Amino acid sequence: MLYDFLVHLVNPLLTLFNGRPQIEHKDRLPEGNYIIVAPHRTWMDPVLLALAVYPKKFTFMAKEELFKGRFANWFLRKLGAFPVNRKNPGPSAIKTPVRLLKNSDRSTIIFPTGSRYSSKIKGGALIIAKMANVPLVPAVYQGPLKLSGIFKRQKRKISFGEPIYIDRKMRLTDENQQELERQMQTAFDQLDNELDPNYHYYMPEKPKNDDF
């Protein structure tokens, strides 16, 4: 399978150029499917998070523009990615990950802020978790934000928090959603502090030609 092939190709290369990553609290990952939620800090963090929990496999949301070429469309879908219109997300942005979480052995990774240029948590991950009846697993990544940092051997660090379970009977009112979002943000802050109390993510300025 392409997914396994790329893992066995990329992981040794990362170790060769950057050393082994520091991964904390992997024992907190639950059985079955779940949603990893994390602050989006670099274009590399979906890959680095997925590598950290392999052999568990993941599906990914990706902007639909990436699927335009025939080869790109085939390649991304083989990896478990599915297209989403990030400007005007339709029902499929919820229904597709819910279906995959229910009917496959793959979990998924969602960045609740939706962007590297925002710190505001949005509620999509909560809805998907509730409908699929799977827990949210907070995670944080600290390390190089650009490929050049990998070659400079800046340490890669990943930590996982305790799962957050959403009662299927709970209504996602504004109040309940805000409380769950607060739990996620608190978990992110605690994990960051445990890895490095001096760590601070300096949010980049959004390029004019970048929609995300």
N, C-alpha and C. Protein backbone atom coordinates (compact mmCIF):
# COMPACT_ATOMS: atom_id res chain seq x y z
N MET A 1 0.85 -1.20 0.00
CA MET A 1 0.00 0.00 0.00
C MET A 1 0.88 1.24 0.00
N LEU A 2 0.44 2.25 -0.75
CA LEU A 2 1.22 3.48 -0.89
C LEU A 2 1.48 4.15 0.46
N TYR A 3 0.48 4.16 1.33
CA TYR A 3 0.62 4.78 2.64
C TYR A 3 1.80 4.16 3.40
N ASP A 4 1.81 2.82 3.48
CA ASP A 4 2.89 2.12 4.20
C ASP A 4 4.24 2.35 3.54
N PHE A 5 4.26 2.33 2.20
CA PHE A 5 5.51 2.54 1.48
C PHE A 5 6.11 3.90 1.82
N LEU A 6 5.27 4.94 1.81
CA LEU A 6 5.78 6.29 2.08
C LEU A 6 6.23 6.44 3.53
N VAL A 7 5.52 5.80 4.45
CA VAL A 7 5.95 5.85 5.85
C VAL A 7 7.35 5.25 6.00
N HIS A 8 7.55 4.09 5.36
CA HIS A 8 8.85 3.43 5.47
C HIS A 8 9.95 4.13 4.66
N LEU A 9 9.55 5.05 3.79
CA LEU A 9 10.52 5.87 3.07
C LEU A 9 10.84 7.15 3.83
N VAL A 10 9.80 7.83 4.29
CA VAL A 10 9.96 9.16 4.90
C VAL A 10 10.53 9.06 6.32
N ASN A 11 10.05 8.12 7.11
CA ASN A 11 10.50 8.04 8.51
C ASN A 11 12.01 7.87 8.64
N PRO A 12 12.64 6.91 7.91
CA PRO A 12 14.10 6.79 8.01
C PRO A 12 14.84 8.04 7.53
N LEU A 13 14.30 8.72 6.51
CA LEU A 13 14.95 9.93 6.03
C LEU A 13 14.90 11.04 7.07
N LEU A 14 13.74 11.19 7.72
CA LEU A 14 13.63 12.19 8.78
C LEU A 14 14.58 11.88 9.93
N THR A 15 14.68 10.61 10.29
CA THR A 15 15.59 10.22 11.37
C THR A 15 17.04 10.48 10.98
N LEU A 16 17.37 10.21 9.72
CA LEU A 16 18.73 10.43 9.24
C LEU A 16 19.12 11.90 9.31
N PHE A 17 18.22 12.78 8.85
CA PHE A 17 18.56 14.20 8.76
C PHE A 17 18.24 14.98 10.04
N ASN A 18 17.31 14.46 10.85
CA ASN A 18 16.83 15.25 11.98
C ASN A 18 16.92 14.52 13.32
N GLY A 19 17.25 13.26 13.30
CA GLY A 19 17.27 12.49 14.54
C GLY A 19 15.88 11.98 14.89
N ARG A 20 15.80 11.19 15.95
CA ARG A 20 14.52 10.64 16.36
C ARG A 20 13.68 11.71 17.06
N PRO A 21 12.38 11.71 16.81
CA PRO A 21 11.53 12.71 17.48
C PRO A 21 11.29 12.35 18.93
N GLN A 22 10.94 13.35 19.71
CA GLN A 22 10.51 13.14 21.08
C GLN A 22 8.99 13.03 21.08
N ILE A 23 8.47 11.87 21.42
CA ILE A 23 7.02 11.64 21.41
C ILE A 23 6.59 11.29 22.82
N GLU A 24 5.67 12.10 23.37
CA GLU A 24 5.23 11.91 24.75
C GLU A 24 3.77 11.44 24.79
N HIS A 25 3.48 10.55 25.73
CA HIS A 25 2.11 10.13 26.07
C HIS A 25 1.38 9.43 24.91
N LYS A 26 2.12 8.66 24.15
CA LYS A 26 1.47 7.88 23.10
C LYS A 26 0.52 6.84 23.69
N ASP A 27 0.75 6.49 24.95
CA ASP A 27 -0.11 5.52 25.63
C ASP A 27 -1.52 6.07 25.87
N ARG A 28 -1.71 7.36 25.69
CA ARG A 28 -3.04 7.96 25.87
C ARG A 28 -3.95 7.75 24.66
N LEU A 29 -3.39 7.30 23.56
CA LEU A 29 -4.21 7.09 22.36
C LEU A 29 -5.18 5.94 22.62
N PRO A 30 -6.47 6.14 22.37
CA PRO A 30 -7.46 5.10 22.66
C PRO A 30 -7.49 4.02 21.60
N GLU A 31 -8.16 2.92 21.91
CA GLU A 31 -8.39 1.87 20.92
C GLU A 31 -9.42 2.36 19.90
N GLY A 32 -9.40 1.75 18.73
CA GLY A 32 -10.38 2.12 17.71
C GLY A 32 -10.05 3.45 17.05
N ASN A 33 -11.05 4.04 16.43
CA ASN A 33 -10.84 5.31 15.73
C ASN A 33 -11.02 6.51 16.66
N TYR A 34 -10.39 7.58 16.28
CA TYR A 34 -10.45 8.83 17.04
C TYR A 34 -10.05 9.97 16.11
N ILE A 35 -10.19 11.18 16.61
CA ILE A 35 -9.79 12.37 15.86
C ILE A 35 -8.66 13.06 16.63
N ILE A 36 -7.51 13.17 16.02
CA ILE A 36 -6.45 14.00 16.60
C ILE A 36 -6.75 15.45 16.26
N VAL A 37 -6.80 16.28 17.28
CA VAL A 37 -6.98 17.73 17.09
C VAL A 37 -5.72 18.42 17.58
N ALA A 38 -5.24 19.36 16.81
CA ALA A 38 -3.97 20.01 17.15
C ALA A 38 -3.94 21.42 16.56
N PRO A 39 -3.17 22.31 17.16
CA PRO A 39 -2.93 23.61 16.53
C PRO A 39 -2.16 23.40 15.23
N HIS A 40 -2.55 24.11 14.18
CA HIS A 40 -1.90 23.96 12.87
C HIS A 40 -0.74 24.95 12.80
N ARG A 41 0.50 24.42 12.84
CA ARG A 41 1.67 25.29 12.95
C ARG A 41 2.59 25.25 11.73
N THR A 42 2.49 24.20 10.93
CA THR A 42 3.34 24.07 9.76
C THR A 42 2.66 23.15 8.76
N TRP A 43 3.02 23.29 7.49
CA TRP A 43 2.45 22.40 6.47
C TRP A 43 2.88 20.95 6.72
N MET A 44 3.92 20.76 7.56
CA MET A 44 4.43 19.41 7.82
C MET A 44 3.69 18.69 8.94
N ASP A 45 2.93 19.39 9.78
CA ASP A 45 2.42 18.72 10.97
C ASP A 45 1.42 17.60 10.70
N PRO A 46 0.62 17.60 9.62
CA PRO A 46 -0.21 16.41 9.38
C PRO A 46 0.64 15.16 9.18
N VAL A 47 1.73 15.30 8.43
CA VAL A 47 2.63 14.17 8.18
C VAL A 47 3.32 13.73 9.46
N LEU A 48 3.83 14.68 10.23
CA LEU A 48 4.58 14.35 11.43
C LEU A 48 3.69 13.71 12.50
N LEU A 49 2.46 14.18 12.62
CA LEU A 49 1.53 13.57 13.57
C LEU A 49 1.17 12.15 13.14
N ALA A 50 0.93 11.97 11.85
CA ALA A 50 0.58 10.63 11.35
C ALA A 50 1.74 9.66 11.53
N LEU A 51 2.96 10.11 11.30
CA LEU A 51 4.13 9.25 11.50
C LEU A 51 4.29 8.86 12.97
N ALA A 52 3.92 9.78 13.86
CA ALA A 52 4.11 9.54 15.29
C ALA A 52 3.23 8.41 15.81
N VAL A 53 2.11 8.14 15.14
CA VAL A 53 1.19 7.12 15.66
C VAL A 53 1.11 5.89 14.75
N TYR A 54 1.91 5.86 13.69
CA TYR A 54 1.94 4.68 12.82
C TYR A 54 2.29 3.44 13.67
N PRO A 55 1.62 2.29 13.48
CA PRO A 55 0.92 1.84 12.27
C PRO A 55 -0.56 2.23 12.16
N LYS A 56 -1.11 2.96 13.14
CA LYS A 56 -2.45 3.47 12.96
C LYS A 56 -2.45 4.40 11.75
N LYS A 57 -3.44 4.28 10.89
CA LYS A 57 -3.50 5.08 9.67
C LYS A 57 -4.59 6.14 9.77
N PHE A 58 -4.43 7.18 8.94
CA PHE A 58 -5.31 8.34 9.02
C PHE A 58 -5.84 8.76 7.65
N THR A 59 -6.98 9.42 7.69
CA THR A 59 -7.48 10.16 6.54
C THR A 59 -7.22 11.65 6.81
N PHE A 60 -7.24 12.43 5.75
CA PHE A 60 -6.92 13.85 5.86
C PHE A 60 -7.89 14.68 5.02
N MET A 61 -8.24 15.84 5.54
CA MET A 61 -8.90 16.85 4.71
C MET A 61 -7.82 17.61 3.96
N ALA A 62 -8.07 17.93 2.70
CA ALA A 62 -7.13 18.74 1.93
C ALA A 62 -7.92 19.67 1.00
N LYS A 63 -7.39 20.83 0.75
CA LYS A 63 -8.12 21.78 -0.09
C LYS A 63 -8.28 21.21 -1.49
N GLU A 64 -9.45 21.43 -2.07
CA GLU A 64 -9.81 20.77 -3.31
C GLU A 64 -8.91 21.15 -4.48
N GLU A 65 -8.25 22.30 -4.40
CA GLU A 65 -7.36 22.71 -5.48
C GLU A 65 -6.22 21.72 -5.69
N LEU A 66 -5.84 21.01 -4.63
CA LEU A 66 -4.73 20.07 -4.73
C LEU A 66 -5.09 18.83 -5.56
N PHE A 67 -6.38 18.61 -5.80
CA PHE A 67 -6.83 17.39 -6.48
C PHE A 67 -7.05 17.59 -7.98
N LYS A 68 -6.71 18.74 -8.52
CA LYS A 68 -7.05 19.05 -9.90
C LYS A 68 -6.33 18.18 -10.92
N GLY A 69 -5.07 17.93 -10.73
CA GLY A 69 -4.33 17.08 -11.66
C GLY A 69 -4.71 15.62 -11.50
N ARG A 70 -4.65 14.86 -12.60
CA ARG A 70 -5.05 13.45 -12.54
C ARG A 70 -4.15 12.67 -11.59
N PHE A 71 -2.83 12.89 -11.70
CA PHE A 71 -1.91 12.16 -10.83
C PHE A 71 -2.08 12.60 -9.37
N ALA A 72 -2.20 13.92 -9.15
CA ALA A 72 -2.36 14.42 -7.78
C ALA A 72 -3.64 13.87 -7.15
N ASN A 73 -4.70 13.81 -7.93
CA ASN A 73 -5.97 13.28 -7.44
C ASN A 73 -5.81 11.81 -7.02
N TRP A 74 -5.16 11.02 -7.89
CA TRP A 74 -4.94 9.60 -7.58
C TRP A 74 -4.05 9.44 -6.35
N PHE A 75 -2.97 10.20 -6.31
CA PHE A 75 -1.98 10.09 -5.24
C PHE A 75 -2.59 10.45 -3.89
N LEU A 76 -3.29 11.57 -3.84
CA LEU A 76 -3.85 12.04 -2.57
C LEU A 76 -4.92 11.09 -2.05
N ARG A 77 -5.75 10.59 -2.95
CA ARG A 77 -6.81 9.68 -2.53
C ARG A 77 -6.23 8.35 -2.05
N LYS A 78 -5.15 7.90 -2.67
CA LYS A 78 -4.49 6.68 -2.22
C LYS A 78 -3.94 6.85 -0.80
N LEU A 79 -3.56 8.07 -0.46
CA LEU A 79 -3.05 8.34 0.89
C LEU A 79 -4.17 8.51 1.91
N GLY A 80 -5.42 8.56 1.42
CA GLY A 80 -6.55 8.71 2.33
C GLY A 80 -7.03 10.14 2.46
N ALA A 81 -6.56 11.03 1.59
CA ALA A 81 -7.02 12.42 1.62
C ALA A 81 -8.34 12.55 0.86
N PHE A 82 -9.13 13.52 1.25
CA PHE A 82 -10.37 13.82 0.53
C PHE A 82 -10.51 15.33 0.41
N PRO A 83 -11.08 15.80 -0.72
CA PRO A 83 -11.11 17.24 -0.98
C PRO A 83 -12.21 17.97 -0.21
N VAL A 84 -11.88 19.19 0.20
CA VAL A 84 -12.84 20.06 0.88
C VAL A 84 -12.69 21.47 0.33
N ASN A 85 -13.81 22.08 0.03
CA ASN A 85 -13.80 23.49 -0.36
C ASN A 85 -13.74 24.31 0.92
N ARG A 86 -12.57 24.86 1.21
CA ARG A 86 -12.38 25.53 2.50
C ARG A 86 -13.11 26.86 2.57
N LYS A 87 -13.35 27.50 1.42
CA LYS A 87 -14.07 28.78 1.45
C LYS A 87 -15.56 28.57 1.63
N ASN A 88 -16.10 27.53 0.96
CA ASN A 88 -17.53 27.24 1.03
C ASN A 88 -17.74 25.74 1.30
N PRO A 89 -17.42 25.28 2.49
CA PRO A 89 -17.54 23.85 2.77
C PRO A 89 -19.01 23.42 2.75
N GLY A 90 -19.28 22.36 2.03
CA GLY A 90 -20.64 21.83 1.97
C GLY A 90 -20.83 20.74 2.99
N PRO A 91 -21.99 20.04 2.92
CA PRO A 91 -22.27 18.95 3.87
C PRO A 91 -21.22 17.85 3.84
N SER A 92 -20.54 17.66 2.70
CA SER A 92 -19.55 16.58 2.60
C SER A 92 -18.37 16.80 3.53
N ALA A 93 -18.11 18.06 3.93
CA ALA A 93 -17.00 18.34 4.84
C ALA A 93 -17.24 17.71 6.21
N ILE A 94 -18.50 17.43 6.52
CA ILE A 94 -18.85 16.72 7.75
C ILE A 94 -19.14 15.26 7.46
N LYS A 95 -19.93 15.01 6.42
CA LYS A 95 -20.39 13.64 6.14
C LYS A 95 -19.24 12.70 5.76
N THR A 96 -18.27 13.18 4.97
CA THR A 96 -17.19 12.30 4.52
C THR A 96 -16.34 11.80 5.68
N PRO A 97 -15.81 12.67 6.56
CA PRO A 97 -15.02 12.14 7.68
C PRO A 97 -15.85 11.29 8.64
N VAL A 98 -17.12 11.62 8.83
CA VAL A 98 -17.98 10.80 9.70
C VAL A 98 -18.11 9.40 9.12
N ARG A 99 -18.35 9.32 7.82
CA ARG A 99 -18.49 8.01 7.16
C ARG A 99 -17.20 7.21 7.27
N LEU A 100 -16.06 7.85 7.04
CA LEU A 100 -14.77 7.15 7.11
C LEU A 100 -14.46 6.68 8.53
N LEU A 101 -14.78 7.50 9.50
CA LEU A 101 -14.53 7.11 10.90
C LEU A 101 -15.41 5.94 11.32
N LYS A 102 -16.62 5.89 10.78
CA LYS A 102 -17.55 4.83 11.13
C LYS A 102 -17.27 3.53 10.38
N ASN A 103 -16.86 3.65 9.11
CA ASN A 103 -16.84 2.49 8.22
C ASN A 103 -15.45 2.04 7.78
N SER A 104 -14.41 2.61 8.34
CA SER A 104 -13.05 2.19 8.00
C SER A 104 -12.24 2.04 9.28
N ASP A 105 -11.00 1.59 9.13
CA ASP A 105 -10.13 1.46 10.30
C ASP A 105 -9.19 2.65 10.43
N ARG A 106 -9.53 3.74 9.74
CA ARG A 106 -8.67 4.92 9.78
C ARG A 106 -9.26 6.02 10.66
N SER A 107 -8.41 6.61 11.46
CA SER A 107 -8.77 7.80 12.22
C SER A 107 -8.55 9.02 11.33
N THR A 108 -8.70 10.21 11.89
CA THR A 108 -8.46 11.41 11.09
C THR A 108 -7.78 12.47 11.94
N ILE A 109 -7.17 13.42 11.27
CA ILE A 109 -6.51 14.55 11.92
C ILE A 109 -7.23 15.82 11.48
N ILE A 110 -7.63 16.63 12.44
CA ILE A 110 -8.31 17.89 12.14
C ILE A 110 -7.62 19.00 12.92
N PHE A 111 -7.38 20.11 12.25
CA PHE A 111 -6.83 21.29 12.90
C PHE A 111 -7.98 22.25 13.17
N PRO A 112 -8.43 22.36 14.42
CA PRO A 112 -9.67 23.10 14.72
C PRO A 112 -9.64 24.57 14.34
N THR A 113 -8.43 25.16 14.26
CA THR A 113 -8.36 26.57 13.83
C THR A 113 -8.48 26.68 12.31
N GLY A 114 -8.26 25.56 11.60
CA GLY A 114 -8.40 25.54 10.15
C GLY A 114 -7.25 26.17 9.40
N SER A 115 -6.31 26.78 10.10
CA SER A 115 -5.27 27.55 9.41
C SER A 115 -4.07 27.76 10.31
N ARG A 116 -2.91 27.94 9.69
CA ARG A 116 -1.71 28.31 10.44
C ARG A 116 -1.73 29.79 10.82
N TYR A 117 -2.70 30.52 10.28
CA TYR A 117 -2.74 31.97 10.48
C TYR A 117 -3.87 32.39 11.40
N SER A 118 -4.40 31.45 12.18
CA SER A 118 -5.50 31.76 13.09
C SER A 118 -5.33 30.96 14.37
N SER A 119 -5.79 31.52 15.48
CA SER A 119 -5.78 30.81 16.75
C SER A 119 -7.20 30.55 17.24
N LYS A 120 -8.20 30.93 16.45
CA LYS A 120 -9.60 30.78 16.84
C LYS A 120 -10.08 29.37 16.51
N ILE A 121 -10.51 28.64 17.52
CA ILE A 121 -10.99 27.28 17.33
C ILE A 121 -12.40 27.30 16.75
N LYS A 122 -12.62 26.48 15.73
CA LYS A 122 -13.94 26.35 15.11
C LYS A 122 -14.55 25.01 15.53
N GLY A 123 -15.85 24.85 15.31
CA GLY A 123 -16.57 23.72 15.89
C GLY A 123 -16.71 22.48 15.04
N GLY A 124 -16.11 22.45 13.84
CA GLY A 124 -16.31 21.31 12.94
C GLY A 124 -15.88 19.98 13.54
N ALA A 125 -14.75 19.97 14.23
CA ALA A 125 -14.24 18.72 14.81
C ALA A 125 -15.20 18.18 15.86
N LEU A 126 -15.85 19.07 16.59
CA LEU A 126 -16.80 18.64 17.62
C LEU A 126 -18.00 17.94 17.00
N ILE A 127 -18.52 18.51 15.92
CA ILE A 127 -19.68 17.93 15.24
C ILE A 127 -19.33 16.56 14.67
N ILE A 128 -18.16 16.46 14.04
CA ILE A 128 -17.73 15.19 13.44
C ILE A 128 -17.55 14.14 14.52
N ALA A 129 -16.90 14.50 15.63
CA ALA A 129 -16.67 13.55 16.72
C ALA A 129 -17.99 13.06 17.30
N LYS A 130 -18.94 13.95 17.48
CA LYS A 130 -20.24 13.57 18.05
C LYS A 130 -20.99 12.65 17.10
N MET A 131 -21.03 12.99 15.81
CA MET A 131 -21.78 12.19 14.85
C MET A 131 -21.14 10.82 14.63
N ALA A 132 -19.81 10.75 14.68
CA ALA A 132 -19.11 9.48 14.47
C ALA A 132 -18.95 8.69 15.77
N ASN A 133 -19.26 9.34 16.89
CA ASN A 133 -19.14 8.72 18.21
C ASN A 133 -17.70 8.27 18.48
N VAL A 134 -16.76 9.17 18.24
CA VAL A 134 -15.34 8.90 18.52
C VAL A 134 -14.79 10.03 19.39
N PRO A 135 -13.74 9.76 20.17
CA PRO A 135 -13.16 10.81 21.01
C PRO A 135 -12.23 11.73 20.23
N LEU A 136 -12.02 12.89 20.81
CA LEU A 136 -11.01 13.83 20.33
C LEU A 136 -9.75 13.61 21.15
N VAL A 137 -8.60 13.59 20.47
CA VAL A 137 -7.33 13.45 21.18
C VAL A 137 -6.49 14.71 20.93
N PRO A 138 -6.36 15.59 21.93
CA PRO A 138 -5.53 16.79 21.73
C PRO A 138 -4.07 16.42 21.53
N ALA A 139 -3.39 17.16 20.69
CA ALA A 139 -1.97 16.93 20.45
C ALA A 139 -1.31 18.26 20.11
N VAL A 140 -0.02 18.35 20.36
CA VAL A 140 0.73 19.54 19.94
C VAL A 140 2.04 19.10 19.30
N TYR A 141 2.49 19.91 18.37
CA TYR A 141 3.79 19.70 17.73
C TYR A 141 4.64 20.93 17.99
N GLN A 142 5.87 20.70 18.42
CA GLN A 142 6.88 21.75 18.54
C GLN A 142 8.09 21.31 17.74
N GLY A 143 8.65 22.22 16.98
CA GLY A 143 9.82 21.87 16.19
C GLY A 143 9.94 22.75 14.98
N PRO A 144 10.74 22.32 14.00
CA PRO A 144 10.94 23.14 12.80
C PRO A 144 9.63 23.36 12.06
N LEU A 145 9.44 24.60 11.62
CA LEU A 145 8.24 24.94 10.88
C LEU A 145 8.47 24.94 9.37
N LYS A 146 9.74 24.89 8.99
CA LYS A 146 10.10 24.84 7.57
C LYS A 146 11.03 23.65 7.34
N LEU A 147 11.08 23.21 6.10
CA LEU A 147 11.91 22.05 5.77
C LEU A 147 13.38 22.30 6.10
N SER A 148 13.82 23.55 5.99
CA SER A 148 15.21 23.87 6.29
C SER A 148 15.55 23.55 7.75
N GLY A 149 14.57 23.69 8.64
CA GLY A 149 14.80 23.39 10.05
C GLY A 149 15.05 21.91 10.30
N ILE A 150 14.49 21.06 9.44
CA ILE A 150 14.73 19.61 9.55
C ILE A 150 16.22 19.33 9.37
N PHE A 151 16.83 19.98 8.36
CA PHE A 151 18.24 19.75 8.06
C PHE A 151 19.16 20.41 9.08
N LYS A 152 18.63 21.39 9.81
CA LYS A 152 19.41 22.02 10.88
C LYS A 152 19.29 21.25 12.19
N ARG A 153 18.56 20.13 12.13
CA ARG A 153 18.38 19.22 13.26
C ARG A 153 17.70 19.89 14.44
N GLN A 154 16.77 20.81 14.14
CA GLN A 154 15.92 21.33 15.21
C GLN A 154 15.02 20.19 15.69
N LYS A 155 14.93 20.00 16.97
CA LYS A 155 14.25 18.84 17.55
C LYS A 155 12.75 18.85 17.24
N ARG A 156 12.23 17.69 16.83
CA ARG A 156 10.79 17.50 16.65
C ARG A 156 10.20 16.92 17.92
N LYS A 157 9.16 17.58 18.44
CA LYS A 157 8.51 17.12 19.67
C LYS A 157 7.00 17.04 19.45
N ILE A 158 6.41 15.94 19.91
CA ILE A 158 4.96 15.75 19.81
C ILE A 158 4.47 15.17 21.12
N SER A 159 3.34 15.68 21.59
CA SER A 159 2.76 15.15 22.82
C SER A 159 1.25 15.01 22.65
N PHE A 160 0.69 13.96 23.24
CA PHE A 160 -0.74 13.67 23.15
C PHE A 160 -1.40 13.85 24.51
N GLY A 161 -2.61 14.41 24.50
CA GLY A 161 -3.36 14.62 25.73
C GLY A 161 -4.37 13.52 25.97
N GLU A 162 -5.07 13.63 27.09
CA GLU A 162 -6.12 12.68 27.42
C GLU A 162 -7.29 12.87 26.44
N PRO A 163 -7.91 11.77 26.00
CA PRO A 163 -9.04 11.89 25.08
C PRO A 163 -10.19 12.68 25.68
N ILE A 164 -10.88 13.41 24.83
CA ILE A 164 -12.07 14.17 25.20
C ILE A 164 -13.27 13.46 24.57
N TYR A 165 -14.17 12.96 25.42
CA TYR A 165 -15.34 12.23 24.93
C TYR A 165 -16.55 13.15 24.95
N ILE A 166 -17.33 13.07 23.88
CA ILE A 166 -18.54 13.88 23.76
C ILE A 166 -19.75 12.97 23.90
N ASP A 167 -20.57 13.23 24.88
CA ASP A 167 -21.80 12.45 25.08
C ASP A 167 -22.71 12.63 23.87
N ARG A 168 -23.11 11.52 23.27
CA ARG A 168 -23.96 11.59 22.08
C ARG A 168 -25.30 12.25 22.37
N LYS A 169 -25.70 12.25 23.64
CA LYS A 169 -26.96 12.89 24.01
C LYS A 169 -26.81 14.40 24.22
N MET A 170 -25.55 14.86 24.28
CA MET A 170 -25.31 16.29 24.50
C MET A 170 -25.68 17.10 23.27
N ARG A 171 -26.42 18.15 23.46
CA ARG A 171 -26.70 19.08 22.37
C ARG A 171 -25.53 20.05 22.27
N LEU A 172 -25.08 20.27 21.06
CA LEU A 172 -23.95 21.20 20.87
C LEU A 172 -24.47 22.63 20.81
N THR A 173 -25.00 23.07 21.95
CA THR A 173 -25.41 24.46 22.07
C THR A 173 -24.16 25.34 22.09
N ASP A 174 -24.35 26.63 21.95
CA ASP A 174 -23.20 27.55 21.99
C ASP A 174 -22.43 27.38 23.30
N GLU A 175 -23.17 27.21 24.40
CA GLU A 175 -22.52 27.08 25.71
C GLU A 175 -21.70 25.79 25.78
N ASN A 176 -22.28 24.67 25.34
CA ASN A 176 -21.56 23.39 25.39
C ASN A 176 -20.38 23.38 24.44
N GLN A 177 -20.56 23.99 23.27
CA GLN A 177 -19.47 24.04 22.31
C GLN A 177 -18.32 24.88 22.84
N GLN A 178 -18.63 25.99 23.46
CA GLN A 178 -17.58 26.83 24.03
C GLN A 178 -16.82 26.11 25.14
N GLU A 179 -17.52 25.29 25.93
CA GLU A 179 -16.87 24.54 26.98
C GLU A 179 -15.92 23.49 26.40
N LEU A 180 -16.34 22.79 25.35
CA LEU A 180 -15.49 21.80 24.71
C LEU A 180 -14.28 22.46 24.04
N GLU A 181 -14.50 23.60 23.43
CA GLU A 181 -13.40 24.34 22.83
C GLU A 181 -12.42 24.80 23.89
N ARG A 182 -12.94 25.19 25.05
CA ARG A 182 -12.07 25.58 26.16
C ARG A 182 -11.23 24.39 26.63
N GLN A 183 -11.85 23.20 26.69
CA GLN A 183 -11.11 22.00 27.08
C GLN A 183 -9.98 21.71 26.09
N MET A 184 -10.26 21.87 24.80
CA MET A 184 -9.21 21.65 23.80
C MET A 184 -8.07 22.63 23.97
N GLN A 185 -8.40 23.92 24.11
CA GLN A 185 -7.36 24.93 24.23
C GLN A 185 -6.54 24.73 25.50
N THR A 186 -7.21 24.37 26.60
CA THR A 186 -6.50 24.11 27.86
C THR A 186 -5.53 22.94 27.69
N ALA A 187 -5.99 21.90 26.97
CA ALA A 187 -5.12 20.74 26.73
C ALA A 187 -3.91 21.14 25.88
N PHE A 188 -4.13 21.95 24.85
CA PHE A 188 -3.01 22.42 24.02
C PHE A 188 -1.99 23.17 24.86
N ASP A 189 -2.49 24.07 25.70
CA ASP A 189 -1.60 24.89 26.53
C ASP A 189 -0.81 24.03 27.50
N GLN A 190 -1.47 23.04 28.12
CA GLN A 190 -0.79 22.17 29.08
C GLN A 190 0.27 21.31 28.40
N LEU A 191 -0.05 20.78 27.23
CA LEU A 191 0.90 19.94 26.50
C LEU A 191 2.11 20.76 26.06
N ASP A 192 1.87 21.97 25.57
CA ASP A 192 2.97 22.85 25.19
C ASP A 192 3.87 23.13 26.38
N ASN A 193 3.24 23.44 27.51
CA ASN A 193 4.01 23.77 28.72
C ASN A 193 4.83 22.59 29.22
N GLU A 194 4.27 21.37 29.10
CA GLU A 194 4.99 20.17 29.53
C GLU A 194 6.20 19.91 28.64
N LEU A 195 6.04 20.12 27.33
CA LEU A 195 7.16 19.88 26.42
C LEU A 195 8.25 20.93 26.60
N ASP A 196 7.82 22.19 26.70
CA ASP A 196 8.78 23.29 26.84
C ASP A 196 8.05 24.51 27.37
N PRO A 197 8.23 24.85 28.66
CA PRO A 197 7.50 25.98 29.24
C PRO A 197 7.85 27.32 28.60
N ASN A 198 8.94 27.38 27.85
CA ASN A 198 9.33 28.62 27.19
C ASN A 198 8.89 28.69 25.72
N TYR A 199 8.18 27.64 25.28
CA TYR A 199 7.78 27.60 23.87
C TYR A 199 6.70 28.64 23.58
N HIS A 200 6.82 29.27 22.43
CA HIS A 200 5.78 30.18 21.95
C HIS A 200 5.71 30.07 20.43
N TYR A 201 4.51 29.87 19.93
CA TYR A 201 4.31 29.81 18.49
C TYR A 201 4.07 31.22 17.95
N TYR A 202 4.97 31.66 17.09
CA TYR A 202 4.85 32.98 16.49
C TYR A 202 4.08 32.83 15.18
N MET A 203 2.83 33.25 15.21
CA MET A 203 1.96 33.08 14.07
C MET A 203 2.43 33.92 12.89
N PRO A 204 2.63 33.28 11.72
CA PRO A 204 3.09 34.04 10.56
C PRO A 204 1.98 34.92 9.99
N GLU A 205 2.40 35.92 9.26
CA GLU A 205 1.44 36.77 8.58
C GLU A 205 0.91 36.03 7.36
N LYS A 206 -0.37 36.08 7.16
CA LYS A 206 -1.00 35.33 6.08
C LYS A 206 -0.62 35.93 4.72
N PRO A 207 -0.02 35.14 3.83
CA PRO A 207 0.29 35.66 2.49
C PRO A 207 -0.99 36.01 1.73
N LYS A 208 -0.91 37.00 0.86
CA LYS A 208 -2.09 37.42 0.12
C LYS A 208 -2.64 36.35 -0.78
N ASN A 209 -1.76 35.48 -1.29
CA ASN A 209 -2.19 34.44 -2.22
C ASN A 209 -2.46 33.12 -1.53
N ASP A 210 -2.55 33.12 -0.20
CA ASP A 210 -2.82 31.88 0.54
C ASP A 210 -4.17 32.00 1.20
N ASP A 211 -5.09 31.12 0.85
CA ASP A 211 -6.44 31.15 1.38
C ASP A 211 -6.53 30.56 2.77
N PHE A 212 -5.43 30.00 3.27
CA PHE A 212 -5.53 29.25 4.52
C PHE A 212 -4.54 29.75 5.55
